Amino acid sequence: MLDQIIAEKWFTPKAAIDFWSANSVGDDIRLYTDENRKTGLATFYTLRQQLSRRETQANLALADFIAPETSGKADYIGGFVVTAGSGEEVLAEYFEQANDDYSAILLKVLSDRFSEALAELMHERVRKEFWGYAGEEHFTNEELICEFYKGIRPAPGYPAQPDHTEKRTLFDLLDVSQATGVVLTENYAMWPGSSVAGFYFSHPESYYFGVAKVERDQVEDYAARKGMVVEEVERWLAPILNYLSKKRKNGD
């Protein structure tokens, strides 16, 4: 039954991808409307690690993988949202109403794998075709799994940028809802759930890392840069706060 449904193209994979002129300004990534880099388009905000390290080890922010504006070097950043389509929701409900929980669970797992596979495929095409900074790349499947390629695709809400609200800027720039049908909920989850969003970095030394715990000083600075109140930022960064916010102190 499930094989037949998939064969009948109930899933409709879609992708929204774009690239922008960009430079870093402190811990911010500033996007420009064109190559003249005179007019700002949008800003992605990043968080920096606040870890105790050896002097030779830096505390990273994603902005470190974009050339500083003061360097005079032209740099770029990409963004994407891919989805396996909305068929999962309809089909899962069908199976659940038929008391076929096994098929419903299997369907959700397959749909999630499809969206991740599409994200991986699009990243490869970005490196070799769309952006083309690694046009001669040729890796085996095992080497791709080990991420031997240049560049990363971190996602908002994950360790390198744990703030889910950064999805809003990405969705607006890509006009995601119109292009793919994917929408953000009020809690910045993506619907359909089998969707993947993130940024493309081409820096040859870029790699994945975790911001880990942050202190109040960085939260206050981050809130000021984003134009948000501190309490709102604390709400979204609650899992990584290294202090008790006023709300948590009051037991709310």
Protein backbone atom coordinates (compact mmCIF):
# COMPACT_ATOMS: atom_id res chain seq x y z
CA MET A 1 0.00 0.00 0.00
CA LEU A 2 2.70 2.50 1.03
CA ASP A 3 4.83 1.70 -2.03
CA GLN A 4 1.83 2.32 -4.26
CA ILE A 5 1.09 5.66 -2.64
CA ILE A 6 4.69 6.82 -3.08
CA ALA A 7 4.68 5.58 -6.69
CA GLU A 8 1.54 7.63 -7.34
CA LYS A 9 3.51 10.78 -6.41
CA TRP A 10 1.65 11.79 -3.30
CA PHE A 11 4.88 13.47 -2.26
CA THR A 12 5.77 16.69 -4.07
CA PRO A 13 9.37 17.67 -3.19
CA LYS A 14 10.10 21.40 -3.57
CA ALA A 15 13.04 23.68 -2.89
CA ALA A 16 13.63 27.41 -2.52
CA ILE A 17 17.29 28.47 -2.84
CA ASP A 18 19.00 31.84 -3.29
CA PHE A 19 22.33 33.57 -2.77
CA TRP A 20 23.16 37.08 -1.64
CA SER A 21 26.14 39.41 -1.52
CA ALA A 22 27.22 39.51 2.11
CA ASN A 23 29.87 40.63 4.58
CA SER A 24 30.17 40.28 8.32
CA VAL A 25 29.93 43.26 10.65
CA GLY A 26 30.94 42.08 14.09
CA ASP A 27 28.77 39.06 14.82
CA ASP A 28 26.17 40.07 12.22
CA ILE A 29 26.00 38.94 8.59
CA ARG A 30 24.86 41.86 6.47
CA LEU A 31 23.21 41.13 3.12
CA TYR A 32 23.18 43.61 0.23
CA THR A 33 20.80 44.19 -2.63
CA ASP A 34 23.51 43.93 -5.30
CA GLU A 35 27.23 43.70 -6.00
CA ASN A 36 27.74 47.41 -5.25
CA ARG A 37 27.18 46.55 -1.58
CA LYS A 38 25.86 50.01 -0.84
CA THR A 39 22.29 49.14 0.12
CA GLY A 40 21.46 46.67 2.87
CA LEU A 41 18.91 43.96 2.16
CA ALA A 42 18.67 42.12 5.47
CA THR A 43 20.78 40.90 8.38
CA PHE A 44 21.34 37.47 9.83
CA TYR A 45 22.31 37.62 13.51
CA THR A 46 24.68 35.08 15.03
CA LEU A 47 25.71 34.07 18.52
CA ARG A 48 29.27 33.56 19.68
CA GLN A 49 30.58 30.79 21.90
CA GLN A 50 31.44 31.84 25.45
CA LEU A 51 33.65 28.94 26.41
CA SER A 52 36.88 28.73 28.37
CA ARG A 53 39.48 27.81 25.77
CA ARG A 54 43.19 27.73 25.23
CA GLU A 55 44.66 30.89 23.75
CA THR A 56 45.07 29.19 20.37
CA GLN A 57 41.38 28.29 20.15
CA ALA A 58 38.80 30.89 19.17
CA ASN A 59 35.22 31.20 20.34
CA LEU A 60 33.30 30.93 17.10
CA ALA A 61 30.23 32.57 15.58
CA LEU A 62 28.85 31.76 12.15
CA ALA A 63 29.73 35.32 11.11
CA ASP A 64 33.40 34.28 11.28
CA PHE A 65 32.90 32.30 8.07
CA ILE A 66 31.97 35.44 6.09
CA ALA A 67 34.57 38.03 5.07
CA PRO A 68 34.41 41.18 7.25
CA GLU A 69 33.04 44.32 5.62
CA THR A 70 36.26 46.10 6.59
CA SER A 71 38.34 43.61 4.58
CA GLY A 72 37.05 44.97 1.27
CA LYS A 73 36.53 41.39 0.05
CA ALA A 74 33.32 40.44 -1.71
CA ASP A 75 31.69 37.46 -0.05
CA TYR A 76 28.36 35.65 -0.30
CA ILE A 77 25.93 33.54 1.65
CA GLY A 78 23.15 31.25 0.52
CA GLY A 79 19.87 30.15 2.03
CA PHE A 80 17.47 27.30 1.40
CA VAL A 81 14.26 25.59 2.40
CA VAL A 82 13.39 22.15 1.02
CA THR A 83 10.37 19.96 1.70
CA ALA A 84 9.12 16.49 0.87
CA GLY A 85 5.68 18.05 0.39
CA SER A 86 2.41 18.07 2.28
CA GLY A 87 1.33 14.54 1.36
CA GLU A 88 2.71 13.20 4.63
CA GLU A 89 0.09 14.93 6.75
CA VAL A 90 -2.86 13.65 4.71
CA LEU A 91 -1.55 10.11 4.42
CA ALA A 92 -0.52 9.84 8.06
CA GLU A 93 -4.02 10.85 9.11
CA TYR A 94 -5.46 8.27 6.71
CA PHE A 95 -3.41 5.48 8.29
CA GLU A 96 -4.13 6.65 11.83
CA GLN A 97 -7.87 6.65 11.20
CA ALA A 98 -7.49 3.11 9.85
CA ASN A 99 -5.73 2.15 13.12
CA ASP A 100 -2.60 1.39 11.12
CA ASP A 101 -0.10 3.09 13.39
CA TYR A 102 2.83 1.17 11.91
CA SER A 103 2.25 2.58 8.42
CA ALA A 104 1.70 6.08 9.84
CA ILE A 105 5.03 5.97 11.70
CA LEU A 106 6.85 4.45 8.71
CA LEU A 107 5.40 7.14 6.45
CA LYS A 108 6.64 9.93 8.73
CA VAL A 109 10.11 8.39 8.92
CA LEU A 110 10.32 8.02 5.13
CA SER A 111 9.08 11.56 4.58
CA ASP A 112 11.71 12.91 6.97
CA ARG A 113 14.41 10.93 5.14
CA PHE A 114 13.19 12.25 1.79
CA SER A 115 13.49 15.85 2.94
CA GLU A 116 16.98 15.25 4.37
CA ALA A 117 18.05 13.52 1.16
CA LEU A 118 16.74 16.47 -0.86
CA ALA A 119 18.68 18.88 1.37
CA GLU A 120 21.84 16.85 0.79
CA LEU A 121 21.28 16.71 -2.97
CA MET A 122 20.64 20.44 -3.22
CA HIS A 123 23.76 21.20 -1.19
CA GLU A 124 25.82 19.14 -3.62
CA ARG A 125 24.30 20.98 -6.58
CA VAL A 126 24.96 24.29 -4.85
CA ARG A 127 28.64 23.43 -4.46
CA LYS A 128 29.04 22.11 -8.00
CA GLU A 129 26.49 24.07 -10.08
CA PHE A 130 24.40 26.85 -8.57
CA TRP A 131 27.20 28.56 -6.62
CA GLY A 132 29.91 26.48 -8.23
CA TYR A 133 32.71 27.13 -5.77
CA ALA A 134 33.62 23.41 -5.86
CA GLY A 135 32.82 22.55 -9.45
CA GLU A 136 35.45 19.82 -9.65
CA GLU A 137 34.22 18.05 -6.52
CA HIS A 138 33.92 14.29 -6.79
CA PHE A 139 33.30 12.16 -3.71
CA THR A 140 32.03 8.67 -3.04
CA ASN A 141 28.85 8.25 -1.01
CA GLU A 142 30.96 7.31 2.00
CA GLU A 143 33.03 10.50 1.65
CA LEU A 144 29.87 12.59 1.32
CA ILE A 145 28.49 11.03 4.51
CA CYS A 146 31.75 11.98 6.24
CA GLU A 147 31.32 15.55 4.89
CA PHE A 148 34.69 15.78 3.16
CA TYR A 149 33.33 18.58 0.97
CA LYS A 150 33.91 22.31 1.47
CA GLY A 151 31.19 24.36 3.09
CA ILE A 152 28.40 23.82 5.61
CA ARG A 153 24.62 24.27 5.77
CA PRO A 154 23.75 25.06 9.41
CA ALA A 155 20.11 25.54 10.33
CA PRO A 156 18.45 28.10 12.60
CA GLY A 157 17.46 26.44 15.85
CA TYR A 158 20.42 24.07 15.84
CA PRO A 159 23.72 24.22 17.79
CA ALA A 160 25.62 26.75 15.64
CA GLN A 161 22.63 29.16 15.71
CA PRO A 162 20.12 28.06 18.35
CA ASP A 163 17.72 30.95 17.71
CA HIS A 164 14.69 29.71 15.74
CA THR A 165 13.51 33.28 15.05
CA GLU A 166 16.23 33.65 12.40
CA LYS A 167 14.01 31.49 10.19
CA ARG A 168 11.68 34.46 9.71
CA THR A 169 14.25 36.49 7.79
CA LEU A 170 15.22 33.46 5.73
CA PHE A 171 11.59 32.69 4.86
CA ASP A 172 10.93 36.31 3.87
CA LEU A 173 14.00 36.52 1.63
CA LEU A 174 13.15 33.27 -0.16
CA ASP A 175 9.38 33.87 -0.27
CA VAL A 176 9.19 30.31 0.98
CA SER A 177 5.44 29.96 1.40
CA GLN A 178 4.82 30.98 -2.20
CA ALA A 179 7.66 28.90 -3.61
CA THR A 180 7.22 25.68 -1.64
CA GLY A 181 4.06 25.86 0.46
CA VAL A 182 6.08 25.57 3.68
CA VAL A 183 4.93 27.91 6.45
CA LEU A 184 6.19 28.82 9.90
CA THR A 185 4.03 28.26 12.95
CA GLU A 186 3.86 30.82 15.76
CA ASN A 187 6.65 28.86 17.47
CA TYR A 188 8.80 28.89 14.32
CA ALA A 189 8.31 25.21 13.57
CA MET A 190 7.97 24.37 9.88
CA TRP A 191 4.85 22.87 8.37
CA PRO A 192 4.87 20.39 6.68
CA GLY A 193 7.16 18.88 9.28
CA SER A 194 9.30 17.05 6.73
CA SER A 195 11.10 20.23 5.73
CA VAL A 196 14.66 21.46 6.17
CA ALA A 197 15.92 25.07 6.26
CA GLY A 198 19.37 26.55 6.58
CA PHE A 199 22.21 28.71 5.33
CA TYR A 200 24.97 27.91 2.84
CA PHE A 201 28.54 28.85 3.77
CA SER A 202 31.36 28.27 1.27
CA HIS A 203 34.36 29.10 3.47
CA PRO A 204 36.85 26.22 3.00
CA GLU A 205 37.55 26.12 6.74
CA SER A 206 33.94 26.34 7.88
CA TYR A 207 32.67 23.55 10.10
CA TYR A 208 29.81 22.75 12.43
CA PHE A 209 30.05 23.72 16.09
CA GLY A 210 27.81 24.38 19.05
CA VAL A 211 27.35 27.78 20.67
CA ALA A 212 26.65 26.03 24.01
CA LYS A 213 25.75 28.14 27.06
CA VAL A 214 25.62 31.95 26.88
CA GLU A 215 25.72 34.59 29.59
CA ARG A 216 23.49 37.60 30.16
CA ASP A 217 25.92 40.05 28.53
CA GLN A 218 25.72 38.28 25.18
CA VAL A 219 21.94 37.92 25.41
CA GLU A 220 21.61 41.66 26.04
CA ASP A 221 23.93 42.49 23.14
CA TYR A 222 22.10 40.04 20.86
CA ALA A 223 18.71 41.52 21.80
CA ALA A 224 19.97 45.05 21.07
CA ARG A 225 21.30 44.02 17.65
CA LYS A 226 18.05 42.28 16.72
CA GLY A 227 15.85 45.06 18.11
CA MET A 228 14.11 42.69 20.52
CA VAL A 229 13.46 42.96 24.24
CA VAL A 230 15.77 40.86 26.38
CA GLU A 231 12.92 38.81 27.86
CA GLU A 232 11.81 37.73 24.39
CA VAL A 233 15.32 36.66 23.43
CA GLU A 234 15.61 34.76 26.70
CA ARG A 235 12.44 32.90 25.82
CA TRP A 236 13.88 31.62 22.54
CA LEU A 237 17.33 30.94 23.96
CA ALA A 238 16.08 29.37 27.21
CA PRO A 239 17.81 25.99 26.65
CA ILE A 240 21.26 27.59 26.38
CA LEU A 241 21.07 30.32 29.03
CA ASN A 242 23.82 30.00 31.62
CA TYR A 243 21.86 32.03 34.15
CA LEU A 244 18.36 32.27 35.56
CA SER A 245 16.19 34.75 33.69
CA LYS A 246 13.70 36.84 35.67
CA LYS A 247 10.90 34.62 34.41
CA ARG A 248 12.61 31.45 35.64
CA LYS A 249 13.50 33.09 38.96
CA ASN A 250 9.82 33.87 39.47
CA GLY A 251 8.92 30.29 38.69
CA ASP A 252 6.93 31.11 35.52
